[in-house]
Amino acid sequence: MKPNADKINAQDGERDVGSSNAQRPERDGMHQLLIADARAGLADVAAGRTRDAASLLNEVKRRRAARAAR
């Protein structure tokens, strides 16, 4: 069975799998949000607003340790 597919009854009483048209606008909206997020991420990379994960995690650990010490 396909993901996001609904079981529907055909005219002859057999069950079939089809995509619900009611879900299409929701999927299209989510697709547009995904594209917008991808574009924003690529713009961040192009502008140099990225950091490597190791240094970011070390900074988060330092901040949490400083808060716990208060």
Protein backbone atom coordinates (compact mmCIF):
# COMPACT_ATOMS: atom_id res chain seq x y z
CA MET A 1 0.00 0.00 0.00
CA LYS A 2 1.24 3.46 -0.86
CA PRO A 3 1.89 5.91 1.97
CA ASN A 4 -0.95 8.43 2.36
CA ALA A 5 -3.23 6.20 0.32
CA ASP A 6 -6.80 5.51 1.36
CA LYS A 7 -8.74 2.31 0.87
CA ILE A 8 -11.77 2.98 -1.26
CA ASN A 9 -14.57 0.74 -2.41
CA ALA A 10 -14.95 0.40 -6.16
CA GLN A 11 -18.34 0.11 -7.85
CA ASP A 12 -18.01 -3.66 -8.05
CA GLY A 13 -17.53 -3.89 -4.28
CA GLU A 14 -13.80 -4.66 -4.49
CA ARG A 15 -11.46 -2.66 -2.33
CA ASP A 16 -8.93 -0.52 -4.10
CA VAL A 17 -6.19 1.87 -3.03
CA GLY A 18 -6.31 5.48 -4.12
CA SER A 19 -5.05 8.84 -3.05
CA SER A 20 -7.61 11.08 -1.43
CA ASN A 21 -8.03 14.41 -3.19
CA ALA A 22 -8.92 15.94 0.18
CA GLN A 23 -5.33 15.41 1.35
CA ARG A 24 -3.74 16.98 -1.72
CA PRO A 25 -3.94 20.66 -0.59
CA GLU A 26 -2.44 19.70 2.77
CA ARG A 27 0.42 17.85 1.07
CA ASP A 28 0.97 20.73 -1.35
CA GLY A 29 1.13 23.18 1.56
CA MET A 30 3.65 21.02 3.42
CA HIS A 31 5.67 20.70 0.21
CA GLN A 32 5.77 24.50 -0.16
CA LEU A 33 6.93 24.88 3.47
CA LEU A 34 9.66 22.31 2.89
CA ILE A 35 10.86 24.15 -0.21
CA ALA A 36 10.86 27.48 1.68
CA ASP A 37 12.88 25.94 4.53
CA ALA A 38 15.37 24.44 2.07
CA ARG A 39 15.81 27.80 0.35
CA ALA A 40 16.33 29.54 3.69
CA GLY A 41 18.93 26.94 4.66
CA LEU A 42 20.79 27.35 1.39
CA ALA A 43 20.75 31.13 1.86
CA ASP A 44 22.26 30.66 5.34
CA VAL A 45 25.04 28.50 3.86
CA ALA A 46 25.73 31.04 1.11
CA ALA A 47 25.87 33.88 3.67
CA GLY A 48 28.21 31.94 5.97
CA ARG A 49 25.68 31.66 8.80
CA THR A 50 26.55 28.05 9.59
CA ARG A 51 28.70 26.33 12.18
CA ASP A 52 30.05 22.86 12.56
CA ALA A 53 28.05 20.61 14.87
CA ALA A 54 30.92 19.81 17.25
CA SER A 55 31.60 23.43 18.20
CA LEU A 56 27.89 24.17 18.55
CA LEU A 57 27.37 21.17 20.85
CA ASN A 58 30.36 22.16 22.96
CA GLU A 59 28.92 25.67 23.37
CA VAL A 60 25.53 24.26 24.39
CA LYS A 61 27.22 22.00 26.97
CA ARG A 62 29.17 24.98 28.38
CA ARG A 63 25.98 27.06 28.69
CA ARG A 64 24.09 24.23 30.42
CA ALA A 65 26.97 23.67 32.83
CA ALA A 66 27.09 27.39 33.64
CA ARG A 67 23.32 27.43 34.33
CA ALA A 68 23.56 24.34 36.52
CA ALA A 69 26.37 25.95 38.56
CA ARG A 70 24.18 28.95 39.51
